[in-house]
């Protein structure tokens, strides 16, 4: 692995789904963004203006300098897209990510445009995390 890919994100996509490429690309984008957004937390603050209480939500990253996500965000945003055979394998990867406390996001499409109104698990983003941690889970998967 090159020095530039010490931290990366791996997006896993089901290969058994029959859908348009553009749809699958959108699922990859959803997964990547959802995994990063899952690292955010919400602070709700109230202000008094003209004797009315105004609420607004402010989202902040909880990222520390020692966190791999910090390194990923300030570097090249390395992403790898791999294929998994089916939903069972995708869910197995998700379970392994949970066990190892790897940031992740599982995408379930609502099914309106492609999957005949059936909610369908399509993609899983793993990380950003250290490459060696992700490689333990994904090294045997096919690059897309």
C-alpha atoms as a PDB file:
ATOM      1  CA  UNK A   1       0.000   0.000   0.000  1.00  0.00           C
ATOM      2  CA  UNK A   2       1.378   3.401  -0.902  1.00  0.00           C
ATOM      3  CA  UNK A   3       2.250   5.953   1.736  1.00  0.00           C
ATOM      4  CA  UNK A   4      -0.653   8.086   0.471  1.00  0.00           C
ATOM      5  CA  UNK A   5      -3.286   5.511   1.379  1.00  0.00           C
ATOM      6  CA  UNK A   6      -2.654   5.066   5.096  1.00  0.00           C
ATOM      7  CA  UNK A   7      -6.269   6.035   5.740  1.00  0.00           C
ATOM      8  CA  UNK A   8      -9.031   5.257   3.282  1.00  0.00           C
ATOM      9  CA  UNK A   9     -12.681   4.487   2.854  1.00  0.00           C
ATOM     10  CA  UNK A  10     -13.916   1.306   1.195  1.00  0.00           C
ATOM     11  CA  UNK A  11     -17.373   1.277  -0.334  1.00  0.00           C
ATOM     12  CA  UNK A  12     -18.807  -2.191  -0.872  1.00  0.00           C
ATOM     13  CA  UNK A  13     -21.524  -2.652  -3.492  1.00  0.00           C
ATOM     14  CA  UNK A  14     -23.731  -5.659  -4.130  1.00  0.00           C
ATOM     15  CA  UNK A  15     -22.886  -7.281  -7.471  1.00  0.00           C
ATOM     16  CA  UNK A  16     -26.077  -9.349  -7.655  1.00  0.00           C
ATOM     17  CA  UNK A  17     -28.370  -6.355  -8.154  1.00  0.00           C
ATOM     18  CA  UNK A  18     -29.651  -5.639 -11.625  1.00  0.00           C
ATOM     19  CA  UNK A  19     -29.838  -1.866 -11.854  1.00  0.00           C
ATOM     20  CA  UNK A  20     -28.496   1.020 -13.884  1.00  0.00           C
ATOM     21  CA  UNK A  21     -24.876   2.099 -13.339  1.00  0.00           C
ATOM     22  CA  UNK A  22     -25.987   5.593 -12.421  1.00  0.00           C
ATOM     23  CA  UNK A  23     -28.247   4.198  -9.700  1.00  0.00           C
ATOM     24  CA  UNK A  24     -25.394   2.174  -8.236  1.00  0.00           C
ATOM     25  CA  UNK A  25     -23.077   5.190  -8.416  1.00  0.00           C
ATOM     26  CA  UNK A  26     -25.638   7.156  -6.413  1.00  0.00           C
ATOM     27  CA  UNK A  27     -25.744   4.368  -3.818  1.00  0.00           C
ATOM     28  CA  UNK A  28     -21.934   4.515  -3.520  1.00  0.00           C
ATOM     29  CA  UNK A  29     -22.116   8.285  -3.003  1.00  0.00           C
ATOM     30  CA  UNK A  30     -24.865   7.885  -0.380  1.00  0.00           C
ATOM     31  CA  UNK A  31     -22.781   5.328   1.514  1.00  0.00           C
ATOM     32  CA  UNK A  32     -19.599   7.390   1.454  1.00  0.00           C
ATOM     33  CA  UNK A  33     -21.306  10.527   2.692  1.00  0.00           C
ATOM     34  CA  UNK A  34     -23.441   8.703   5.263  1.00  0.00           C
ATOM     35  CA  UNK A  35     -20.372   7.117   6.866  1.00  0.00           C
ATOM     36  CA  UNK A  36     -18.705  10.503   7.280  1.00  0.00           C
ATOM     37  CA  UNK A  37     -21.907  12.141   8.508  1.00  0.00           C
ATOM     38  CA  UNK A  38     -22.302   9.372  11.080  1.00  0.00           C
ATOM     39  CA  UNK A  39     -19.245  10.850  12.794  1.00  0.00           C
ATOM     40  CA  UNK A  40     -21.108  14.080  13.431  1.00  0.00           C
ATOM     41  CA  UNK A  41     -23.184  14.885  16.448  1.00  0.00           C
ATOM     42  CA  UNK A  42     -25.898  17.431  16.881  1.00  0.00           C
ATOM     43  CA  UNK A  43     -25.859  20.333  19.335  1.00  0.00           C
ATOM     44  CA  UNK A  44     -29.185  22.079  19.733  1.00  0.00           C
ATOM     45  CA  UNK A  45     -28.881  25.639  20.937  1.00  0.00           C
ATOM     46  CA  UNK A  46     -31.589  28.083  21.928  1.00  0.00           C
ATOM     47  CA  UNK A  47     -31.356  31.846  21.686  1.00  0.00           C
ATOM     48  CA  UNK A  48     -33.749  34.503  22.854  1.00  0.00           C
ATOM     49  CA  UNK A  49     -34.437  37.153  20.246  1.00  0.00           C
ATOM     50  CA  UNK A  50     -37.191  39.707  20.761  1.00  0.00           C
ATOM     51  CA  UNK A  51     -38.462  37.581  23.644  1.00  0.00           C
ATOM     52  CA  UNK A  52     -38.993  34.540  21.414  1.00  0.00           C
ATOM     53  CA  UNK A  53     -36.957  31.391  21.835  1.00  0.00           C
ATOM     54  CA  UNK A  54     -35.338  30.398  18.574  1.00  0.00           C
ATOM     55  CA  UNK A  55     -34.055  26.860  18.128  1.00  0.00           C
ATOM     56  CA  UNK A  56     -31.571  25.818  15.543  1.00  0.00           C
ATOM     57  CA  UNK A  57     -29.498  22.768  15.012  1.00  0.00           C
ATOM     58  CA  UNK A  58     -25.776  23.016  14.557  1.00  0.00           C
ATOM     59  CA  UNK A  59     -23.837  20.010  13.421  1.00  0.00           C
ATOM     60  CA  UNK A  60     -20.230  19.592  14.465  1.00  0.00           C
ATOM     61  CA  UNK A  61     -17.607  16.995  13.727  1.00  0.00           C
ATOM     62  CA  UNK A  62     -16.162  15.148  16.694  1.00  0.00           C
ATOM     63  CA  UNK A  63     -12.789  14.556  15.117  1.00  0.00           C
ATOM     64  CA  UNK A  64      -9.559  14.587  17.067  1.00  0.00           C
ATOM     65  CA  UNK A  65      -6.088  15.014  15.596  1.00  0.00           C
ATOM     66  CA  UNK A  66      -5.234  11.440  16.556  1.00  0.00           C
ATOM     67  CA  UNK A  67      -8.332  10.104  14.760  1.00  0.00           C
ATOM     68  CA  UNK A  68      -7.786   8.497  11.323  1.00  0.00           C
ATOM     69  CA  UNK A  69     -10.719  10.539  10.006  1.00  0.00           C
ATOM     70  CA  UNK A  70      -8.790  13.747  10.685  1.00  0.00           C
ATOM     71  CA  UNK A  71      -5.910  12.457   8.567  1.00  0.00           C
ATOM     72  CA  UNK A  72      -8.321  11.368   5.806  1.00  0.00           C
ATOM     73  CA  UNK A  73     -10.137  14.719   5.726  1.00  0.00           C
ATOM     74  CA  UNK A  74      -6.947  16.731   5.435  1.00  0.00           C
ATOM     75  CA  UNK A  75      -5.344  14.420   2.873  1.00  0.00           C
ATOM     76  CA  UNK A  76      -6.622  12.878  -0.373  1.00  0.00           C
ATOM     77  CA  UNK A  77      -9.996  11.368   0.651  1.00  0.00           C
ATOM     78  CA  UNK A  78      -8.850   7.978  -0.676  1.00  0.00           C
ATOM     79  CA  UNK A  79     -11.819   5.787  -1.616  1.00  0.00           C
ATOM     80  CA  UNK A  80     -11.914   2.263  -2.996  1.00  0.00           C
ATOM     81  CA  UNK A  81     -15.068   0.662  -4.450  1.00  0.00           C
ATOM     82  CA  UNK A  82     -15.353  -3.121  -4.295  1.00  0.00           C
ATOM     83  CA  UNK A  83     -18.042  -5.632  -5.153  1.00  0.00           C
ATOM     84  CA  UNK A  84     -19.620  -8.149  -2.818  1.00  0.00           C
ATOM     85  CA  UNK A  85     -21.594 -11.134  -4.113  1.00  0.00           C
ATOM     86  CA  UNK A  86     -24.884 -10.515  -2.301  1.00  0.00           C
ATOM     87  CA  UNK A  87     -26.778  -9.004   0.632  1.00  0.00           C
ATOM     88  CA  UNK A  88     -25.665 -11.719   3.051  1.00  0.00           C
ATOM     89  CA  UNK A  89     -21.997 -10.868   2.461  1.00  0.00           C
ATOM     90  CA  UNK A  90     -22.718  -7.146   2.755  1.00  0.00           C
ATOM     91  CA  UNK A  91     -24.418  -7.637   6.116  1.00  0.00           C
ATOM     92  CA  UNK A  92     -21.565  -9.857   7.307  1.00  0.00           C
ATOM     93  CA  UNK A  93     -19.105  -7.049   6.517  1.00  0.00           C
ATOM     94  CA  UNK A  94     -21.335  -4.603   8.405  1.00  0.00           C
ATOM     95  CA  UNK A  95     -21.337  -6.884  11.443  1.00  0.00           C
ATOM     96  CA  UNK A  96     -17.543  -7.190  11.316  1.00  0.00           C
ATOM     97  CA  UNK A  97     -17.228  -3.405  11.089  1.00  0.00           C
ATOM     98  CA  UNK A  98     -19.429  -3.034  14.168  1.00  0.00           C
ATOM     99  CA  UNK A  99     -17.272  -5.531  16.065  1.00  0.00           C
ATOM    100  CA  UNK A 100     -14.086  -3.650  15.178  1.00  0.00           C
ATOM    101  CA  UNK A 101     -15.721  -0.256  15.835  1.00  0.00           C
ATOM    102  CA  UNK A 102     -15.039   0.887  12.274  1.00  0.00           C
ATOM    103  CA  UNK A 103     -17.133   3.859  11.122  1.00  0.00           C
ATOM    104  CA  UNK A 104     -19.636   2.546   8.589  1.00  0.00           C
ATOM    105  CA  UNK A 105     -22.944   3.201   6.874  1.00  0.00           C
ATOM    106  CA  UNK A 106     -25.316   0.658   5.357  1.00  0.00           C
ATOM    107  CA  UNK A 107     -27.545   1.992   2.585  1.00  0.00           C
ATOM    108  CA  UNK A 108     -31.057   0.647   2.054  1.00  0.00           C
ATOM    109  CA  UNK A 109     -32.661   2.079  -1.067  1.00  0.00           C
ATOM    110  CA  UNK A 110     -36.396   2.719  -0.755  1.00  0.00           C
ATOM    111  CA  UNK A 111     -36.976   0.925  -4.065  1.00  0.00           C
ATOM    112  CA  UNK A 112     -39.023   3.541  -5.893  1.00  0.00           C
ATOM    113  CA  UNK A 113     -36.999   3.847  -9.105  1.00  0.00           C
ATOM    114  CA  UNK A 114     -35.248   0.495  -9.489  1.00  0.00           C
ATOM    115  CA  UNK A 115     -36.339  -2.237  -7.129  1.00  0.00           C
ATOM    116  CA  UNK A 116     -40.127  -2.466  -7.702  1.00  0.00           C
ATOM    117  CA  UNK A 117     -41.046  -0.653  -4.463  1.00  0.00           C
ATOM    118  CA  UNK A 118     -39.048  -3.128  -2.374  1.00  0.00           C
ATOM    119  CA  UNK A 119     -36.543  -1.592   0.087  1.00  0.00           C
ATOM    120  CA  UNK A 120     -33.177  -3.031  -0.959  1.00  0.00           C
ATOM    121  CA  UNK A 121     -29.817  -3.078   0.794  1.00  0.00           C
ATOM    122  CA  UNK A 122     -27.371  -1.813  -1.821  1.00  0.00           C
ATOM    123  CA  UNK A 123     -24.067  -0.568  -0.404  1.00  0.00           C
ATOM    124  CA  UNK A 124     -21.891  -0.315   2.672  1.00  0.00           C
ATOM    125  CA  UNK A 125     -19.190   2.257   3.356  1.00  0.00           C
ATOM    126  CA  UNK A 126     -16.395   1.249   5.707  1.00  0.00           C
ATOM    127  CA  UNK A 127     -14.261   3.981   7.195  1.00  0.00           C
ATOM    128  CA  UNK A 128     -12.497   6.305   6.880  1.00  0.00           C
ATOM    129  CA  UNK A 129     -10.153   4.086   8.854  1.00  0.00           C
ATOM    130  CA  UNK A 130      -6.584   2.823   8.785  1.00  0.00           C
ATOM    131  CA  UNK A 131      -5.894   0.850   5.614  1.00  0.00           C
ATOM    132  CA  UNK A 132      -4.589  -2.186   7.465  1.00  0.00           C
ATOM    133  CA  UNK A 133      -7.822  -2.423   9.494  1.00  0.00           C
ATOM    134  CA  UNK A 134     -10.014  -2.182   6.394  1.00  0.00           C
ATOM    135  CA  UNK A 135      -7.802  -4.554   4.424  1.00  0.00           C
ATOM    136  CA  UNK A 136      -8.463  -7.282   7.006  1.00  0.00           C
ATOM    137  CA  UNK A 137     -12.138  -7.160   5.989  1.00  0.00           C
ATOM    138  CA  UNK A 138     -11.947  -6.342   2.293  1.00  0.00           C
ATOM    139  CA  UNK A 139      -8.682  -7.718   0.867  1.00  0.00           C
ATOM    140  CA  UNK A 140     -10.418 -10.578  -0.980  1.00  0.00           C
ATOM    141  CA  UNK A 141     -13.107  -8.428  -2.606  1.00  0.00           C
ATOM    142  CA  UNK A 142     -13.004  -7.504  -6.299  1.00  0.00           C
ATOM    143  CA  UNK A 143     -12.183  -3.910  -7.233  1.00  0.00           C
ATOM    144  CA  UNK A 144     -14.873  -2.290  -9.374  1.00  0.00           C
END
